[in-house]
Every structure is written in structure tokens, then in C-alpha cells.
Protein backbone atom coordinates (compact mmCIF):
# COMPACT_ATOMS: atom_id res chain seq x y z
CA MET A 1 -18.96 -3.09 1.57
CA THR A 2 -17.78 -5.30 4.38
CA ALA A 3 -15.79 -8.51 4.71
CA ALA A 4 -18.98 -10.45 3.87
CA ASP A 5 -18.70 -9.12 0.31
CA PRO A 6 -18.72 -12.40 -1.87
CA ARG A 7 -16.31 -10.77 -4.24
CA LEU A 8 -13.81 -10.41 -1.32
CA GLU A 9 -14.43 -14.05 -0.20
CA ARG A 10 -13.59 -15.34 -3.69
CA TRP A 11 -10.61 -13.13 -3.92
CA LEU A 12 -9.33 -14.27 -0.56
CA GLU A 13 -9.72 -18.06 -1.52
CA ALA A 14 -7.86 -17.42 -4.73
CA LEU A 15 -5.07 -15.44 -2.91
CA VAL A 16 -4.41 -18.45 -0.49
CA ALA A 17 -4.59 -20.99 -3.31
CA ALA A 18 -2.24 -19.23 -5.76
CA PRO A 19 1.42 -20.10 -5.75
CA GLY A 20 3.95 -17.50 -5.21
CA VAL A 21 1.57 -14.67 -4.33
CA THR A 22 1.48 -14.75 -0.46
CA ALA A 23 3.46 -16.57 2.11
CA VAL A 24 0.35 -16.94 4.24
CA ARG A 25 -1.23 -20.23 3.54
CA ASP A 26 -3.50 -20.51 6.54
CA PRO A 27 -6.96 -19.18 5.60
CA ALA A 28 -7.75 -17.80 9.08
CA GLU A 29 -4.52 -15.92 9.09
CA ALA A 30 -4.93 -14.75 5.58
CA ARG A 31 -8.37 -13.34 6.55
CA ARG A 32 -6.77 -11.40 9.46
CA VAL A 33 -3.75 -10.12 7.63
CA HIS A 34 -4.98 -9.49 4.17
CA LEU A 35 -8.68 -8.66 4.70
CA GLU A 36 -9.36 -7.59 8.19
CA ASP A 37 -6.19 -5.36 8.58
CA ALA A 38 -6.86 -3.94 5.07
CA LEU A 39 -10.38 -2.96 5.99
CA ALA A 40 -9.16 -1.30 9.10
CA ALA A 41 -6.82 0.74 6.93
CA ALA A 42 -9.74 1.68 4.68
CA GLY A 43 -11.30 3.67 7.52
CA LEU A 44 -8.29 5.96 7.32
CA VAL A 45 -8.21 6.66 3.49
CA GLY A 46 -8.82 10.20 2.74
CA GLU A 47 -8.87 11.49 -0.81
CA GLY A 48 -8.45 9.51 -3.94
CA PRO A 49 -7.33 8.12 -6.15
CA VAL A 50 -5.57 5.37 -4.00
CA VAL A 51 -2.41 3.50 -5.06
CA ASP A 52 -1.54 0.16 -3.31
CA VAL A 53 2.18 0.12 -3.65
CA GLY A 54 3.79 -3.31 -4.07
CA SER A 55 0.30 -4.76 -4.19
CA GLY A 56 1.39 -8.38 -4.45
CA GLY A 57 -1.97 -10.36 -4.07
CA GLY A 58 -4.08 -7.30 -3.86
CA SER A 59 -4.00 -6.36 -0.18
CA PRO A 60 -4.80 -3.82 1.08
CA GLY A 61 -5.92 -2.37 -2.28
CA ILE A 62 -8.67 -4.82 -3.20
CA PRO A 63 -10.42 -4.59 0.23
CA ILE A 64 -10.07 -0.81 0.26
CA ALA A 65 -11.65 -0.74 -3.28
CA ALA A 66 -14.55 -2.85 -1.99
CA ALA A 67 -15.05 -0.67 1.10
CA ARG A 68 -14.70 2.59 -0.84
CA PRO A 69 -16.33 2.17 -4.29
CA ASP A 70 -16.31 5.88 -4.65
CA LEU A 71 -12.57 5.98 -5.12
CA ALA A 72 -10.32 4.73 -8.04
CA VAL A 73 -7.64 2.23 -6.75
CA ASP A 74 -4.47 1.39 -8.62
CA LEU A 75 -2.76 -1.84 -7.74
CA LEU A 76 0.98 -1.00 -8.31
CA GLU A 77 3.05 -4.22 -8.88
CA ALA A 78 6.29 -4.96 -10.58
CA GLN A 79 6.39 -8.70 -10.82
CA ARG A 80 4.62 -10.07 -13.99
CA ARG A 81 3.18 -13.22 -12.35
CA ARG A 82 1.50 -11.17 -9.64
CA CYS A 83 0.28 -8.72 -12.23
CA GLU A 84 -1.55 -11.49 -14.02
CA PHE A 85 -3.10 -12.70 -10.77
CA LEU A 86 -4.29 -9.18 -10.01
CA SER A 87 -5.73 -8.56 -13.38
CA ALA A 88 -7.95 -11.73 -13.07
CA GLU A 89 -8.94 -11.14 -9.42
CA ALA A 90 -9.59 -7.42 -9.67
CA ALA A 91 -11.96 -7.86 -12.54
CA PRO A 92 -15.16 -7.84 -10.40
CA PHE A 93 -14.07 -4.41 -8.83
CA PRO A 94 -14.99 -1.69 -11.39
CA ASN A 95 -12.96 0.96 -9.61
CA VAL A 96 -9.64 -1.11 -9.73
CA ARG A 97 -6.86 -0.87 -12.17
CA VAL A 98 -3.60 -2.82 -12.30
CA VAL A 99 -0.35 -0.93 -13.08
CA CYS A 100 2.54 -3.25 -13.70
CA VAL A 101 5.70 -1.22 -13.15
CA ARG A 102 8.14 -0.55 -10.34
CA ALA A 103 7.34 1.97 -7.68
CA GLU A 104 10.43 4.12 -8.51
CA GLU A 105 9.63 4.23 -12.13
CA HIS A 106 5.92 5.24 -11.51
CA GLY A 107 7.12 7.87 -8.98
CA ARG A 108 9.27 9.53 -11.64
CA GLY A 109 6.69 9.14 -14.40
CA ALA A 110 2.86 9.17 -14.67
CA GLY A 111 2.23 8.43 -10.97
CA ARG A 112 4.41 11.25 -9.52
CA GLU A 113 2.11 13.21 -6.95
CA ALA A 114 -0.87 11.74 -8.80
CA TYR A 115 -2.64 10.04 -5.83
CA GLY A 116 -4.44 11.35 -2.67
CA THR A 117 -3.53 8.18 -0.71
CA ALA A 118 -0.89 5.48 -0.94
CA VAL A 119 -1.17 2.34 0.95
CA ALA A 120 1.24 -0.54 1.43
CA GLN A 121 1.43 -3.79 3.38
CA ALA A 122 4.73 -5.59 4.29
CA LEU A 123 6.42 -3.74 1.47
CA ALA A 124 9.65 -2.86 3.14
CA PRO A 125 10.99 -1.23 6.35
CA PRO A 126 9.18 2.25 6.62
CA PRO A 127 12.21 4.39 5.51
CA VAL A 128 12.38 2.33 2.37
CA ALA A 129 8.55 2.23 1.82
CA LEU A 130 8.25 5.93 2.39
CA GLU A 131 10.77 6.83 -0.38
CA TRP A 132 8.64 4.69 -2.71
CA CYS A 133 5.13 5.80 -1.52
CA LEU A 134 5.52 9.65 -0.67
CA PRO A 135 6.63 10.61 -4.29
CA LEU A 136 3.24 9.19 -5.59
CA VAL A 137 1.14 11.25 -3.29
CA ARG A 138 0.23 14.94 -3.86
CA PRO A 139 0.77 17.44 -1.07
CA GLY A 140 -2.18 17.32 1.32
CA GLY A 141 -2.48 13.54 0.86
CA ARG A 142 -1.25 10.63 3.04
CA VAL A 143 0.54 7.31 3.13
CA ILE A 144 -0.83 4.46 5.18
CA LEU A 145 1.60 1.66 5.89
CA LEU A 146 0.51 -1.70 7.52
CA ALA A 147 3.61 -2.19 9.70
CA GLY A 148 4.92 -4.15 12.62
CA GLU A 149 7.43 -2.71 15.18
CA VAL A 150 8.53 0.76 13.96
CA ASP A 151 11.39 3.04 14.74
CA LEU A 152 9.38 6.22 14.70
CA GLU A 153 12.35 8.52 14.87
CA ARG A 154 14.08 6.93 11.90
CA ALA A 155 10.63 6.90 9.97
CA ALA A 156 10.15 10.51 10.81
CA ALA A 157 13.55 11.49 9.40
CA ALA A 158 13.10 9.48 6.22
CA ALA A 159 9.50 11.04 5.64
CA ALA A 160 10.94 14.57 6.09
CA GLU A 161 13.40 14.00 3.31
CA VAL A 162 10.69 13.00 0.87
CA GLY A 163 8.10 15.59 1.76
CA GLY A 164 6.18 13.93 4.58
CA GLY A 165 5.24 14.96 8.05
CA PRO A 166 5.77 13.09 11.39
CA PRO A 167 4.32 9.59 11.50
CA GLU A 168 1.26 8.77 13.46
CA THR A 169 0.65 5.24 14.75
CA VAL A 170 -2.88 3.67 14.88
CA PRO A 171 -3.23 0.26 16.55
CA LEU A 172 -4.96 -2.45 14.63
CA PRO A 173 -7.91 -4.25 16.40
CA GLY A 174 -6.79 -7.17 18.41
CA ALA A 175 -3.09 -6.81 17.37
CA GLU A 176 -0.25 -6.43 19.88
CA ARG A 177 2.54 -5.64 17.42
CA ARG A 178 0.85 -4.82 14.23
CA ARG A 179 -0.16 -1.14 13.56
CA LEU A 180 -1.04 1.47 10.95
CA LEU A 181 1.50 4.11 10.24
CA VAL A 182 0.00 7.34 8.81
CA ILE A 183 2.14 9.98 7.28
CA ALA A 184 0.73 13.25 5.80
CA LYS A 185 2.32 14.69 2.65
CA THR A 186 3.30 18.12 3.70
CA GLY A 187 5.21 19.33 0.70
CA PRO A 188 6.31 18.44 -2.63
CA THR A 189 8.88 15.57 -3.04
CA PRO A 190 12.41 16.77 -4.08
CA GLU A 191 13.29 15.97 -7.61
CA ARG A 192 15.98 13.51 -6.66
CA PHE A 193 13.45 11.08 -5.20
CA PRO A 194 12.67 8.37 -5.61
CA ARG A 195 16.23 7.14 -6.34
CA ARG A 196 16.95 4.65 -9.05
CA PRO A 197 15.67 0.96 -8.42
CA GLY A 198 17.53 -0.78 -5.61
CA VAL A 199 19.05 2.31 -3.98
CA ALA A 200 16.46 2.80 -1.39
CA ARG A 201 17.05 -0.74 0.04
CA LYS A 202 20.92 -0.42 -0.10
CA ARG A 203 20.97 3.05 1.28
CA PRO A 204 17.73 3.71 3.36
CA LEU A 205 16.87 7.19 4.43
CA GLY A 206 16.68 8.25 8.07
């Protein structure tokens, strides 16, 4: 599947039109940020299942599901309105499931080390996103963050606390500042992570 997939075109149109789902209103910008960048990330996805953490309007999870129909993709989102949008727009993709719960709760419950790959776009600064994402991935898996400017030293320190290895950066095609941050899960996440909701933002790791 590629960006020409008609299911992706319909999803992208709905994403731009829906209130309160994405801040990107320009169709060309939405295509670049939510579709093309997500498809670039799909090329780095290894094992499944995949979890899109803080999925919002479904990026990068829905494009990855289209590009990798062999993998199950969970769209993890806590906001009820966005969950309703995702449930409607993900229906054409048989390998997609919507999970409406906070990442911290999923990481301490059924989602803990249940995935081969976690992906996230514009979720939070990397030290915060890694505390939410790495507990969901089993050792040997990876986290892929679609990020802007990154403090690699701080991201590495945060990853190490939650069972991750050193971050690697992969430039996105045609982007000066946007990049993919790839972190391997090298060992089990300590039981104290993720911390209770809200703590990661107030007291980020690293």
C-alpha cells in the first residue's frame, strides 16, 4: 500500500475536516506531516504488533497499517472524542484496533511489553514519550518517535532508565528539522515505570 491508497485519501480528508483532532488544517501540510512522514516511519517498523501511542487522528498508525497489512496495529488514545473519530475512520483497515485508555494505564496493564513496535508523533518531548512508549514494547522491539529537534543525551538517559538503548536518528525525506528517533528495547522495564498519570510531564526522566 502507498499514499495512493484510496482509504488513506479518505482518512486524510476526514482528518483535516474534523474539529479538535489535528491542529494542521492545510491539506498539503497534513499530507506531509500525517501521511508522508508516517509512511517513512513504516519502513523502520520491525516486529508487530504495533501500538500508536497518543494516536490522535490516527497518524502514524493508520498509514503504517496500510503499508504493513501483515501487522496488527493498535491506536492508543485517551480522549473519547478522538477515540470515536478513530473508530469510524479505522473501520476500512482490518488490521487496526482502537484502544481508548491512557498510555500509563495500558503500560501497567494489558499492554505492558505486549508489542514489537511502538510509534508516536508529536506526543511529548522524547524523555516523556519514552516513559510512555518503552513499557509497552517487549525486549528486542523498538520505539519510533516522529520528532523535531532532539536533545540526544537527555533522550538516551531517559531511555536507559526505562529499558531502552541509545537513540538513533533517521532524517525524514525533504525535512530539515523533522526526524525519526529510533530506540531499541534492550531489557525489561523496571516495575516502577510508567509512573502514575501526569508525573512524566511534571518530572521528566533524563
